[in-house]
Structure formats: C-alpha cells, structure tokens
Amino acid sequence: MVYITSNERTPLLLRQALGNLNSNGFGHRHWQGILLFVGMMINYFQRVDISAAIVPMTQSTAGAPYYNWDVSDKSMILSSFFWGYVVSQVPSGLLAKRFGAKLVLGLATAVGGILAFFHPLAAESGVISVCVLRVLTGIVQGTVYPCVHTLLAKWVPRTERGFLTTGIYSGAQFGTAVILGTSGFIFESGMGWPGLFYISGGLSLLWALLFFWQGANEPAQDKSITKVEREYIEALTGSNSSSQSMPVPWLSIFSSPAFYGLLAAHCGFTWGFYTLLTEMPTYMSSVLELNVKSNALLSSLPYFAMGVLCLVVSPISDLLINRGAISITTARKLFNSIGQYGPMACLIGLGYMTANEKTWAILLLTLAVGINAGCSCGYLINHIDLSPNFAGPMMGVTNGIAGITSIVAPLIVGAILTDETDPSQWRVIFFITGGVYLLCNSLFLVLGKATVQPWNAPTTPANMSSTTSLRHNLQTDSKTIAPIATDKENHL
C-alpha cells in the first residue's frame, strides 16, 4: 500500500485547495448537497404518498371518501408507478447529459408536483384513472436518480464521496419517514387523505423554483463559487468537463462484469426496499392490528432509522478508505453486504411474528429497513466509482432494470396474499425477499469492482481532461488521494 500525503506527491494546487477548504469549512458543494438532499425528500413525498394513503382510501374515515378496492386493485395501483418509472430511466440519463441535470430535474419535480394535485380527483374516477396518474408520476420520478448521479459526479470530490453522496441520498429515507410519520395526523385533520397529495404537490413546486434559482450543473457554472473550491472539486471528481459531448460507450458498459455485479446489487436492494415500502402499512394494519395513526408513525420509524444510519456509516466508510485500511472495492462490498445480508436475516425472523408480538415485529421491521443504510456506501455510489463521466446514464440503466423488480414485487404480493391477516402468507413474502437479497449481493461480491474503468474517458492524451490526467498521473483510479491499492486489492 502506497500513500500520497500533502508533503509527498500531492500537487501544489491540491495542497493549497485542501488547506483553504479545511479552514473555510462550508463550501458551495455543501450548499448544492443541501439543495439535493431537500430535493430527494420532496421527490420521495411524491412517490410514497400513495403507499401511506392507500390504507385510509380503502377504509371508512370521517369526512373523507373511501373506495372498495380489493387486494388486487391496491397491488396494481402500488405497482403502476414503476411502469412509468422503468421506461424513463435511460432517456432521463441521456437528457441530463445532453441538456444538463438541473433543467431536467427541476422540470420533472415541478410536473410531479402538479400531478400530485390530481390524485384525489383520479380516485373518484376509479382504479384505472389512479393507475394512469401513477404511471405519469413514475415517468417524471424516473429522472431523479440519473439526474442526481450526474450532478454528484460533477460536484463531489473523491475524498468526500461517501459522506456527501450518502448524505444527499439519505433525503430519500428522511422524506419517506416524514411523509409516513405525518400522514396519520393529516388523515385525521379536516383535509383527510387528499391533503397528503396537496401538501406534497405544493412543496414540490416550491423546491423546483428554489433549485432553478440556486442549483448549478457543475462548479464551472456556479457564479458564486471561489476559484480555489472550483479547482479542488474539478481535480478530484474524475469527471471530464467535456463529458456532455462524449458518446456513451454502451458496448463497453454492457460487456463489463463489474457493471453486472452493480446491476445485481441494485436489483436486490430495490426488490427488498420497495416490497417493504409499499406493503408495510398494510402489514401493520392487517397483521399487527395497528390503527391508522399508530400505523403511520411506526411505518415511518424504519426509514428514519435508515436515514440516521446513512449518516453514521458514510463517514466510517470514508475514514477506512482515506486512511488506507481497506480498498474502495473492499469497502463497497463490505457495506453492501451489511446492507443486504442484515435485512435478509431480519425478514426471516419477521416471518414468524404475529399480532401478539408487535414489539418484536416492529423492531425487526425497523432493523430490516434501517440496516439497508449500508447499501448507500455500497452499490449506490459504485456507478461513480466505475465511470464518473457516465454515472448518470449508467444509473438510468441499472435503476430502470431494477425498477422492473418494483413492478413485479407488489404483483407477487397480490398473488400470494389471499388473506391479508394471515401471517403464514406474509412469511412466504418475507422469505422470497430474503432470497433475493442473498442471490443479488452474492453476485456483487463475485463481480463487483470500484476502480475507474478504461471506457470512462478517451484514451488519447489530446482528449484527456486535466482531471483525467491527474488521476492517471497519480495512478489513483477511484482510490481518492490517499491509498493506492495494488491489483490484488482491486480484486477483493
């Protein structure tokens, strides 16, 4: 293991930048991170509101309409979001690369907010109308991860990749926790369940306006950023400044074993996360026999736990990497294994819980979702490890394919659950989810890598950016400015 210290081989520019940034503390990359964190929260309001509202929408509550939808109808409504979500992933990544992620993400969030206002009206028209609206919501929501990944590749230095990236994406968990935790109070207010959609729609429009005002595609387009911070970020992102005009090397991507390891890990996480996200309120209501308000508060607890744990594991991951304790490849596999094998064990135990064991069931549910936080330092940032220049399009592909599991999982639940109150039927669902975790993470352990791939940038020196040249000269790949791992370590 070889280390590059500020007194050894680190270029003068980086020594000056690191010194200034350490003394200045808060920078523009952190402000962009806060904007994206809030944006993730708001966008998850749009996608999770139906999971929370589906319970009171099908139960008689004072002052709010309700509908006689059976299990099959509810499963179709919950899965229809992903029909649109899947098809928009790859186009979203390409649009973000071509026109800038700021424009695409801002417009999509605004359109999603407008669609949220129409959910109560669609419910009056029937199941098909709600499904159509959820498909449209899925289409605009499909832009979120490809766009955010594109922005992260431009804004987040390798030395801060774990913490900043995980911190931003933890907005998804906090957003889920907030919308589920407050939904019970909204349902019992004068607004009833329609209020959930009105609030999420209004907040979406407000955030879109703020993002258009304050957001930036890259440091070079931020008029307020200091020269020192801009050069520091550009030197340590590994993203080519001319990547907008670079063709996506699809053939190289689809022939890369590391890509398929990443894809498997993404599919495993998505299957487990969205199975619990869409079905947890129903499980708590039908099996654990909790009322609407208790259901809402307890359904939010696992996602709050996951959000907090995301902020715990990410600095640990960065610390281990930057001190050279483990290679980035090892770190990604270690934390992803924690994030998928841990929930697998919890779901096996959850399959044997009944209404008489509410406390244990809630604890296992909280752990099953909360421990997923490990994946935020695993597969979730592996796209940027493999190819900073094409992280957005790659995220579009893996998230799109993984999104298919989000369609299939609720439909399988609907086929298995003939009686929502039967714990033995839920046991089958939990065991299937645990099996998916086991298979997918095992493939990631075998195939996964976290080094910049040869197809990330043109190989001719004339076309090589200063960022790529710096990475090449220091031979760091995605090892940050601290450890340089040997070939043997890169295969761990």
Protein backbone atom coordinates (compact mmCIF):
# COMPACT_ATOMS: atom_id res chain seq x y z
CA MET A 1 0.00 0.00 0.00
CA VAL A 2 1.37 3.40 -1.02
CA TYR A 3 0.12 6.72 0.38
CA ILE A 4 0.08 10.15 -1.20
CA THR A 5 0.36 12.77 1.52
CA SER A 6 0.28 16.54 1.34
CA ASN A 7 4.08 16.54 1.86
CA GLU A 8 4.86 13.87 -0.69
CA ARG A 9 3.36 13.67 -4.18
CA THR A 10 0.19 15.76 -3.91
CA PRO A 11 0.27 18.61 -6.49
CA LEU A 12 0.68 22.14 -5.12
CA LEU A 13 -2.84 23.06 -6.29
CA LEU A 14 -4.37 20.28 -4.22
CA ARG A 15 -2.30 21.12 -1.14
CA GLN A 16 -3.42 24.75 -1.32
CA ALA A 17 -7.03 23.81 -2.02
CA LEU A 18 -7.20 21.28 0.80
CA GLY A 19 -5.67 23.74 3.23
CA ASN A 20 -8.03 26.56 2.29
CA LEU A 21 -11.10 24.35 2.27
CA ASN A 22 -10.29 22.83 5.62
CA SER A 23 -10.08 26.30 7.12
CA ASN A 24 -13.13 27.68 5.33
CA GLY A 25 -15.36 24.72 6.15
CA PHE A 26 -18.71 25.14 4.42
CA GLY A 27 -18.42 25.41 0.63
CA HIS A 28 -20.69 25.67 -2.39
CA ARG A 29 -20.56 21.91 -2.91
CA HIS A 30 -22.17 21.59 0.52
CA TRP A 31 -24.91 24.06 -0.40
CA GLN A 32 -25.61 22.08 -3.57
CA GLY A 33 -25.71 18.99 -1.38
CA ILE A 34 -28.33 20.57 0.90
CA LEU A 35 -30.46 21.51 -2.12
CA LEU A 36 -30.29 17.96 -3.45
CA PHE A 37 -30.99 16.47 0.00
CA VAL A 38 -34.20 18.50 0.26
CA GLY A 39 -34.98 17.64 -3.36
CA MET A 40 -34.71 13.93 -2.58
CA MET A 41 -37.08 14.39 0.36
CA ILE A 42 -39.64 16.24 -1.76
CA ASN A 43 -39.47 13.75 -4.61
CA TYR A 44 -39.98 10.87 -2.20
CA PHE A 45 -43.10 12.64 -0.95
CA GLN A 46 -44.45 12.21 -4.49
CA ARG A 47 -43.69 8.51 -4.71
CA VAL A 48 -44.54 7.44 -1.15
CA ASP A 49 -47.78 9.39 -0.61
CA ILE A 50 -49.87 6.66 -2.27
CA SER A 51 -48.32 3.94 -0.04
CA ALA A 52 -49.44 5.87 3.04
CA ALA A 53 -52.82 6.96 1.65
CA ILE A 54 -53.90 3.57 0.28
CA VAL A 55 -54.99 2.45 3.77
CA PRO A 56 -57.44 5.31 4.58
CA MET A 57 -58.52 5.43 0.92
CA THR A 58 -59.97 1.95 1.39
CA GLN A 59 -61.35 2.40 4.92
CA SER A 60 -64.30 4.42 6.18
CA THR A 61 -62.95 7.52 7.96
CA ALA A 62 -64.82 10.66 8.96
CA GLY A 63 -65.00 13.37 6.32
CA ALA A 64 -63.02 11.60 3.59
CA PRO A 65 -64.18 9.46 0.67
CA TYR A 66 -63.22 5.80 0.54
CA TYR A 67 -63.31 3.10 -2.12
CA ASN A 68 -63.98 -0.64 -2.17
CA TRP A 69 -60.73 -1.71 -3.77
CA ASP A 70 -59.63 -5.31 -3.21
CA VAL A 71 -56.06 -6.57 -2.71
CA SER A 72 -55.53 -6.97 -6.45
CA ASP A 73 -56.65 -3.38 -7.14
CA LYS A 74 -54.36 -1.99 -4.46
CA SER A 75 -51.40 -4.04 -5.72
CA MET A 76 -51.97 -2.75 -9.24
CA ILE A 77 -52.11 0.87 -8.01
CA LEU A 78 -48.92 0.45 -5.97
CA SER A 79 -47.02 -1.17 -8.83
CA SER A 80 -48.25 1.15 -11.61
CA PHE A 81 -45.86 3.91 -10.51
CA PHE A 82 -42.98 1.70 -11.59
CA TRP A 83 -44.42 1.10 -15.07
CA GLY A 84 -43.59 4.70 -15.90
CA TYR A 85 -40.53 4.77 -13.66
CA VAL A 86 -38.79 1.99 -15.58
CA VAL A 87 -39.24 3.39 -19.10
CA SER A 88 -37.96 6.89 -18.28
CA GLN A 89 -34.66 5.90 -16.63
CA VAL A 90 -32.31 5.67 -19.62
CA PRO A 91 -33.85 8.63 -21.51
CA SER A 92 -33.54 10.69 -18.32
CA GLY A 93 -29.84 9.93 -18.00
CA LEU A 94 -29.26 10.90 -21.63
CA LEU A 95 -31.34 14.08 -21.31
CA ALA A 96 -29.41 15.08 -18.19
CA LYS A 97 -26.14 14.52 -20.03
CA ARG A 98 -27.32 16.49 -23.06
CA PHE A 99 -29.27 19.41 -21.57
CA GLY A 100 -27.97 19.47 -18.01
CA ALA A 101 -29.33 17.70 -14.94
CA LYS A 102 -30.52 20.95 -13.34
CA LEU A 103 -33.10 21.63 -16.06
CA VAL A 104 -34.35 18.04 -16.27
CA LEU A 105 -34.61 17.51 -12.50
CA GLY A 106 -36.24 20.88 -11.83
CA LEU A 107 -38.89 20.46 -14.54
CA ALA A 108 -39.62 16.87 -13.55
CA THR A 109 -40.13 17.79 -9.89
CA ALA A 110 -42.48 20.62 -10.84
CA VAL A 111 -44.53 18.41 -13.17
CA GLY A 112 -44.71 15.71 -10.48
CA GLY A 113 -45.99 18.31 -8.03
CA ILE A 114 -48.78 19.30 -10.43
CA LEU A 115 -49.73 15.63 -10.94
CA ALA A 116 -50.00 15.18 -7.15
CA PHE A 117 -52.86 17.69 -7.01
CA PHE A 118 -54.97 15.50 -9.32
CA HIS A 119 -54.78 12.24 -7.30
CA PRO A 120 -58.00 12.81 -5.29
CA LEU A 121 -59.89 13.59 -8.50
CA ALA A 122 -58.49 10.48 -10.20
CA ALA A 123 -59.56 8.31 -7.26
CA GLU A 124 -63.15 9.46 -7.79
CA SER A 125 -62.97 8.15 -11.36
CA GLY A 126 -61.75 4.69 -10.38
CA VAL A 127 -58.73 2.40 -10.23
CA ILE A 128 -57.71 2.87 -13.86
CA SER A 129 -57.54 6.66 -13.52
CA VAL A 130 -55.35 6.36 -10.43
CA CYS A 131 -53.06 3.91 -12.22
CA VAL A 132 -52.69 6.27 -15.20
CA LEU A 133 -51.75 9.10 -12.86
CA ARG A 134 -49.25 6.89 -11.04
CA VAL A 135 -47.67 5.88 -14.35
CA LEU A 136 -47.24 9.57 -15.26
CA THR A 137 -45.79 10.25 -11.80
CA GLY A 138 -43.40 7.35 -12.32
CA ILE A 139 -42.23 8.81 -15.63
CA VAL A 140 -41.23 12.14 -14.08
CA GLN A 141 -39.81 10.46 -10.97
CA GLY A 142 -37.62 8.32 -13.21
CA THR A 143 -35.45 11.38 -13.77
CA VAL A 144 -34.41 11.76 -10.13
CA TYR A 145 -31.59 9.24 -9.68
CA PRO A 146 -29.96 9.66 -13.12
CA CYS A 147 -30.01 13.46 -12.71
CA VAL A 148 -28.73 13.43 -9.13
CA HIS A 149 -25.98 10.98 -10.07
CA THR A 150 -24.97 13.24 -12.95
CA LEU A 151 -24.75 16.19 -10.54
CA LEU A 152 -22.83 14.20 -7.93
CA ALA A 153 -20.24 13.16 -10.49
CA LYS A 154 -19.58 16.87 -11.14
CA TRP A 155 -19.78 18.20 -7.58
CA VAL A 156 -18.48 15.58 -5.13
CA PRO A 157 -14.69 15.11 -4.70
CA ARG A 158 -13.46 11.54 -4.32
CA THR A 159 -12.22 12.29 -0.81
CA GLU A 160 -15.78 13.16 0.29
CA ARG A 161 -17.74 10.80 -1.94
CA GLY A 162 -19.06 8.52 0.78
CA PHE A 163 -20.34 11.20 3.14
CA LEU A 164 -21.72 13.78 0.68
CA THR A 165 -23.31 11.22 -1.65
CA THR A 166 -24.84 9.24 1.18
CA GLY A 167 -25.96 12.41 2.94
CA ILE A 168 -27.78 13.59 -0.17
CA TYR A 169 -29.42 10.25 -0.86
CA SER A 170 -30.46 9.90 2.79
CA GLY A 171 -33.03 12.54 1.88
CA ALA A 172 -35.00 9.66 0.37
CA GLN A 173 -35.22 7.91 3.73
CA PHE A 174 -35.94 11.08 5.69
CA GLY A 175 -38.55 12.04 3.11
CA THR A 176 -40.19 8.64 3.47
CA ALA A 177 -40.10 8.92 7.27
CA VAL A 178 -41.60 12.42 7.25
CA ILE A 179 -44.43 11.61 4.84
CA LEU A 180 -45.34 8.38 6.65
CA GLY A 181 -44.91 9.89 10.12
CA THR A 182 -47.11 12.93 9.46
CA SER A 183 -49.69 11.17 7.31
CA GLY A 184 -51.71 9.92 10.28
CA PHE A 185 -52.21 13.48 11.56
CA ILE A 186 -53.12 14.68 8.07
CA PHE A 187 -55.62 11.85 7.65
CA GLU A 188 -57.34 12.81 10.90
CA SER A 189 -57.35 16.53 10.07
CA GLY A 190 -60.01 18.38 8.13
CA MET A 191 -58.10 17.73 4.89
CA GLY A 192 -58.31 13.96 5.19
CA TRP A 193 -56.13 11.78 2.97
CA PRO A 194 -56.43 14.19 -0.04
CA GLY A 195 -54.40 16.70 1.99
CA LEU A 196 -51.34 14.45 1.71
CA PHE A 197 -51.30 14.91 -2.07
CA TYR A 198 -51.95 18.66 -1.89
CA ILE A 199 -49.08 19.20 0.54
CA SER A 200 -46.58 17.12 -1.43
CA GLY A 201 -47.61 18.88 -4.64
CA GLY A 202 -47.18 22.36 -3.17
CA LEU A 203 -43.78 21.58 -1.66
CA SER A 204 -42.60 20.14 -4.98
CA LEU A 205 -43.36 23.36 -6.83
CA LEU A 206 -41.61 25.47 -4.17
CA TRP A 207 -38.47 23.34 -4.29
CA ALA A 208 -38.35 23.44 -8.10
CA LEU A 209 -38.35 27.25 -8.02
CA LEU A 210 -35.55 27.28 -5.41
CA PHE A 211 -33.48 24.80 -7.40
CA PHE A 212 -33.79 26.77 -10.64
CA TRP A 213 -32.54 29.80 -8.72
CA GLN A 214 -29.71 28.26 -6.69
CA GLY A 215 -28.77 25.00 -8.43
CA ALA A 216 -25.90 24.53 -10.90
CA ASN A 217 -24.93 21.72 -13.24
CA GLU A 218 -21.25 21.90 -12.30
CA PRO A 219 -18.83 24.14 -10.39
CA ALA A 220 -17.82 25.99 -13.58
CA GLN A 221 -21.43 27.21 -13.95
CA ASP A 222 -21.72 28.43 -10.35
CA LYS A 223 -21.05 32.16 -10.40
CA SER A 224 -20.58 32.42 -6.63
CA ILE A 225 -18.08 29.62 -6.06
CA THR A 226 -14.46 30.52 -5.25
CA LYS A 227 -11.72 29.64 -7.70
CA VAL A 228 -9.96 27.52 -5.08
CA GLU A 229 -13.02 25.38 -4.37
CA ARG A 230 -13.87 25.04 -8.07
CA GLU A 231 -10.38 23.80 -8.95
CA TYR A 232 -10.33 21.50 -5.93
CA ILE A 233 -13.63 19.88 -6.98
CA GLU A 234 -12.68 19.60 -10.65
CA ALA A 235 -9.34 18.00 -9.75
CA LEU A 236 -10.90 15.34 -7.53
CA THR A 237 -14.17 14.40 -9.23
CA GLY A 238 -12.68 12.40 -12.09
CA SER A 239 -15.43 13.73 -14.36
CA ASN A 240 -14.35 15.12 -17.71
CA SER A 241 -15.50 18.70 -18.28
CA SER A 242 -16.32 17.81 -21.89
CA SER A 243 -18.33 14.70 -20.99
CA GLN A 244 -21.56 16.27 -22.29
CA SER A 245 -20.27 15.76 -25.83
CA MET A 246 -18.76 12.33 -25.24
CA PRO A 247 -20.72 9.38 -26.67
CA VAL A 248 -21.83 6.80 -24.12
CA PRO A 249 -19.75 3.61 -24.58
CA TRP A 250 -22.73 1.26 -24.36
CA LEU A 251 -20.90 -1.76 -25.75
CA SER A 252 -18.11 -1.44 -23.21
CA ILE A 253 -20.57 -0.93 -20.37
CA PHE A 254 -22.65 -3.97 -21.26
CA SER A 255 -19.55 -6.16 -21.64
CA SER A 256 -18.18 -5.18 -18.22
CA PRO A 257 -18.52 -7.83 -15.46
CA ALA A 258 -18.31 -5.04 -12.85
CA PHE A 259 -21.42 -3.46 -14.36
CA TYR A 260 -23.38 -6.70 -13.94
CA GLY A 261 -22.25 -7.01 -10.33
CA LEU A 262 -23.51 -3.48 -9.73
CA LEU A 263 -26.77 -4.26 -11.53
CA ALA A 264 -27.37 -7.33 -9.36
CA ALA A 265 -26.80 -5.38 -6.15
CA HIS A 266 -29.14 -2.61 -7.33
CA CYS A 267 -31.87 -5.13 -8.17
CA GLY A 268 -31.58 -6.80 -4.78
CA PHE A 269 -31.86 -3.54 -2.88
CA THR A 270 -34.79 -2.31 -4.96
CA TRP A 271 -36.78 -5.52 -4.57
CA GLY A 272 -36.40 -5.53 -0.79
CA PHE A 273 -36.76 -1.79 -0.20
CA TYR A 274 -39.88 -1.31 -2.29
CA THR A 275 -41.56 -4.51 -1.16
CA LEU A 276 -41.43 -3.19 2.40
CA LEU A 277 -42.18 0.40 1.38
CA THR A 278 -45.38 -0.46 -0.47
CA GLU A 279 -46.62 -3.25 1.79
CA MET A 280 -45.56 -2.21 5.30
CA PRO A 281 -48.64 -0.05 6.06
CA THR A 282 -50.91 -2.93 5.01
CA TYR A 283 -48.89 -5.45 7.07
CA MET A 284 -49.06 -3.25 10.17
CA SER A 285 -52.77 -2.66 9.74
CA SER A 286 -53.82 -6.24 8.89
CA VAL A 287 -51.37 -8.45 10.81
CA LEU A 288 -50.19 -6.27 13.68
CA GLU A 289 -53.69 -4.71 14.03
CA LEU A 290 -52.48 -1.12 14.45
CA ASN A 291 -54.79 1.87 13.91
CA VAL A 292 -54.20 4.49 11.20
CA LYS A 293 -52.25 6.97 13.37
CA SER A 294 -50.10 4.32 15.07
CA ASN A 295 -49.58 2.64 11.71
CA ALA A 296 -48.34 5.89 10.16
CA LEU A 297 -45.92 6.71 12.97
CA LEU A 298 -44.48 3.21 13.22
CA SER A 299 -44.24 2.85 9.43
CA SER A 300 -42.02 5.93 9.40
CA LEU A 301 -39.68 4.64 12.11
CA PRO A 302 -37.65 2.24 9.90
CA TYR A 303 -36.96 4.97 7.34
CA PHE A 304 -35.93 7.46 9.99
CA ALA A 305 -33.56 4.80 11.34
CA MET A 306 -32.17 4.21 7.85
CA GLY A 307 -31.64 7.94 7.29
CA VAL A 308 -29.73 8.28 10.57
CA LEU A 309 -27.64 5.17 9.89
CA CYS A 310 -26.77 6.51 6.43
CA LEU A 311 -25.10 9.47 8.15
CA VAL A 312 -23.28 7.07 10.51
CA VAL A 313 -21.90 4.53 8.04
CA SER A 314 -20.78 7.02 5.36
CA PRO A 315 -18.06 8.78 7.40
CA ILE A 316 -16.88 5.38 8.64
CA SER A 317 -16.55 4.21 5.04
CA ASP A 318 -14.66 7.37 4.02
CA LEU A 319 -12.38 7.10 7.06
CA LEU A 320 -11.45 3.49 6.33
CA ILE A 321 -10.74 4.30 2.70
CA ASN A 322 -8.84 7.55 3.19
CA ARG A 323 -6.64 6.02 5.91
CA GLY A 324 -5.84 3.11 3.65
CA ALA A 325 -7.33 0.49 5.97
CA ILE A 326 -9.25 -1.10 3.10
CA SER A 327 -9.50 -0.53 -0.64
CA ILE A 328 -12.58 1.11 -2.14
CA THR A 329 -13.61 -2.17 -3.74
CA THR A 330 -13.50 -3.91 -0.37
CA ALA A 331 -15.40 -1.06 1.28
CA ARG A 332 -18.19 -1.16 -1.31
CA LYS A 333 -18.60 -4.93 -0.93
CA LEU A 334 -18.40 -4.84 2.88
CA PHE A 335 -21.03 -2.17 3.38
CA ASN A 336 -23.32 -3.54 0.68
CA SER A 337 -23.18 -6.96 2.36
CA ILE A 338 -24.18 -5.37 5.67
CA GLY A 339 -26.99 -3.58 3.86
CA GLN A 340 -28.46 -6.72 2.27
CA TYR A 341 -27.48 -9.74 4.33
CA GLY A 342 -28.55 -7.97 7.55
CA PRO A 343 -32.11 -7.26 6.34
CA MET A 344 -32.30 -10.81 4.96
CA ALA A 345 -31.81 -12.21 8.48
CA CYS A 346 -34.37 -9.78 9.93
CA LEU A 347 -37.01 -10.75 7.35
CA ILE A 348 -36.57 -14.44 8.15
CA GLY A 349 -37.33 -13.67 11.80
CA LEU A 350 -40.21 -11.35 10.85
CA GLY A 351 -41.90 -14.20 9.03
CA TYR A 352 -42.70 -15.83 12.38
CA MET A 353 -44.18 -12.76 14.11
CA THR A 354 -47.89 -12.37 14.95
CA ALA A 355 -50.12 -9.66 16.44
CA ASN A 356 -49.14 -10.91 19.92
CA GLU A 357 -45.52 -9.99 19.22
CA LYS A 358 -45.96 -6.44 17.98
CA THR A 359 -42.83 -5.09 19.67
CA TRP A 360 -40.53 -7.71 18.17
CA ALA A 361 -42.15 -7.36 14.76
CA ILE A 362 -41.69 -3.59 14.76
CA LEU A 363 -38.08 -3.97 15.91
CA LEU A 364 -37.31 -6.44 13.13
CA LEU A 365 -39.02 -4.23 10.54
CA THR A 366 -37.02 -1.24 11.73
CA LEU A 367 -33.77 -3.19 11.54
CA ALA A 368 -34.65 -4.71 8.15
CA VAL A 369 -35.06 -1.27 6.61
CA GLY A 370 -32.54 0.61 8.76
CA ILE A 371 -29.61 -1.71 8.03
CA ASN A 372 -30.23 -1.09 4.32
CA ALA A 373 -28.21 2.08 5.01
CA GLY A 374 -25.08 0.06 4.34
CA CYS A 375 -26.02 -0.03 0.65
CA SER A 376 -25.63 3.75 0.49
CA CYS A 377 -21.87 3.17 0.75
CA GLY A 378 -22.10 0.11 -1.48
CA TYR A 379 -23.78 -0.20 -4.85
CA LEU A 380 -25.40 3.26 -4.70
CA ILE A 381 -22.17 5.16 -5.36
CA ASN A 382 -20.49 2.40 -7.38
CA HIS A 383 -21.65 4.00 -10.65
CA ILE A 384 -19.42 7.00 -9.91
CA ASP A 385 -16.57 4.68 -8.89
CA LEU A 386 -16.71 2.86 -12.22
CA SER A 387 -17.29 5.84 -14.50
CA PRO A 388 -17.60 9.44 -13.27
CA ASN A 389 -18.23 10.61 -16.84
CA PHE A 390 -21.16 8.25 -17.44
CA ALA A 391 -22.55 7.80 -13.92
CA GLY A 392 -25.91 9.33 -14.93
CA PRO A 393 -26.60 7.09 -17.95
CA MET A 394 -25.37 4.05 -16.01
CA MET A 395 -27.71 4.88 -13.14
CA GLY A 396 -30.51 5.18 -15.67
CA VAL A 397 -29.83 1.67 -16.92
CA THR A 398 -29.44 -0.06 -13.55
CA ASN A 399 -32.29 1.84 -11.93
CA GLY A 400 -34.52 1.11 -14.92
CA ILE A 401 -33.82 -2.62 -14.86
CA ALA A 402 -34.03 -2.73 -11.07
CA GLY A 403 -37.32 -0.86 -11.36
CA ILE A 404 -38.81 -3.89 -13.10
CA THR A 405 -38.49 -5.70 -9.78
CA SER A 406 -40.54 -2.89 -8.24
CA ILE A 407 -43.34 -3.76 -10.65
CA VAL A 408 -43.08 -7.48 -10.10
CA ALA A 409 -42.79 -7.47 -6.29
CA PRO A 410 -46.20 -5.87 -5.47
CA LEU A 411 -47.88 -8.09 -8.07
CA ILE A 412 -46.35 -11.19 -6.47
CA VAL A 413 -47.58 -9.94 -3.10
CA GLY A 414 -51.06 -9.54 -4.57
CA ALA A 415 -50.95 -13.08 -5.97
CA ILE A 416 -49.77 -14.64 -2.69
CA LEU A 417 -51.98 -12.65 -0.30
CA THR A 418 -55.46 -14.10 -0.46
CA ASP A 419 -55.91 -13.15 3.20
CA GLU A 420 -54.06 -10.04 4.37
CA THR A 421 -54.43 -11.07 8.02
CA ASP A 422 -52.69 -14.45 7.60
CA PRO A 423 -49.08 -14.30 8.96
CA SER A 424 -48.13 -17.51 7.12
CA GLN A 425 -48.78 -15.83 3.75
CA TRP A 426 -46.66 -12.85 4.74
CA ARG A 427 -43.95 -15.32 5.78
CA VAL A 428 -43.71 -16.51 2.16
CA ILE A 429 -43.31 -12.91 1.00
CA PHE A 430 -40.56 -12.19 3.52
CA PHE A 431 -38.70 -15.41 2.64
CA ILE A 432 -38.80 -14.59 -1.08
CA THR A 433 -37.43 -11.12 -0.36
CA GLY A 434 -34.64 -12.60 1.79
CA GLY A 435 -33.73 -14.99 -1.02
CA VAL A 436 -33.45 -12.11 -3.49
CA TYR A 437 -31.11 -10.27 -1.10
CA LEU A 438 -28.92 -13.39 -0.78
CA LEU A 439 -28.62 -14.01 -4.51
CA CYS A 440 -28.06 -10.42 -5.63
CA ASN A 441 -25.45 -9.43 -3.08
CA SER A 442 -23.55 -12.68 -3.67
CA LEU A 443 -23.26 -11.74 -7.35
CA PHE A 444 -21.97 -8.30 -6.35
CA LEU A 445 -19.30 -9.92 -4.17
CA VAL A 446 -18.11 -12.03 -7.09
CA LEU A 447 -18.29 -9.49 -9.93
CA GLY A 448 -18.14 -6.07 -8.30
CA LYS A 449 -15.25 -3.59 -8.53
CA ALA A 450 -14.77 0.06 -7.55
CA THR A 451 -12.00 1.21 -9.87
CA VAL A 452 -12.45 3.65 -12.75
CA GLN A 453 -12.97 1.58 -15.88
CA PRO A 454 -10.92 2.10 -19.08
CA TRP A 455 -14.02 3.16 -21.02
CA ASN A 456 -14.70 6.10 -18.68
CA ALA A 457 -12.68 8.54 -20.82
CA PRO A 458 -10.98 8.79 -24.23
CA THR A 459 -7.55 7.20 -24.17
CA THR A 460 -5.84 9.70 -26.43
CA PRO A 461 -3.82 12.30 -24.48
CA ALA A 462 -5.14 15.12 -26.66
CA ASN A 463 -8.66 14.46 -25.48
CA MET A 464 -7.78 13.83 -21.85
CA SER A 465 -9.03 16.41 -19.35
CA SER A 466 -6.90 17.78 -16.53
CA THR A 467 -8.98 15.72 -14.13
CA THR A 468 -8.33 12.50 -16.05
CA SER A 469 -4.67 13.37 -16.45
CA LEU A 470 -4.34 13.98 -12.71
CA ARG A 471 -5.96 10.66 -11.93
CA HIS A 472 -3.71 8.92 -14.47
CA ASN A 473 -0.52 10.55 -13.23
CA LEU A 474 -1.21 9.74 -9.60
CA GLN A 475 -2.45 6.22 -10.54
CA THR A 476 -5.26 6.51 -8.04
CA ASP A 477 -8.21 5.33 -10.11
CA SER A 478 -11.04 5.82 -7.62
CA LYS A 479 -8.78 5.50 -4.59
CA THR A 480 -9.06 9.20 -3.65
CA ILE A 481 -5.77 10.97 -2.84
CA ALA A 482 -4.98 8.62 0.00
CA PRO A 483 -4.39 4.93 -0.76
CA ILE A 484 -3.20 3.42 -4.00
CA ALA A 485 -4.17 -0.23 -3.94
CA THR A 486 -2.36 -2.97 -5.75
CA ASP A 487 -4.04 -5.03 -8.46
CA LYS A 488 -4.56 -7.77 -5.91
CA GLU A 489 -6.52 -5.41 -3.65
CA ASN A 490 -8.64 -4.20 -6.54
CA HIS A 491 -9.98 -7.72 -6.93
CA LEU A 492 -11.04 -8.12 -3.30
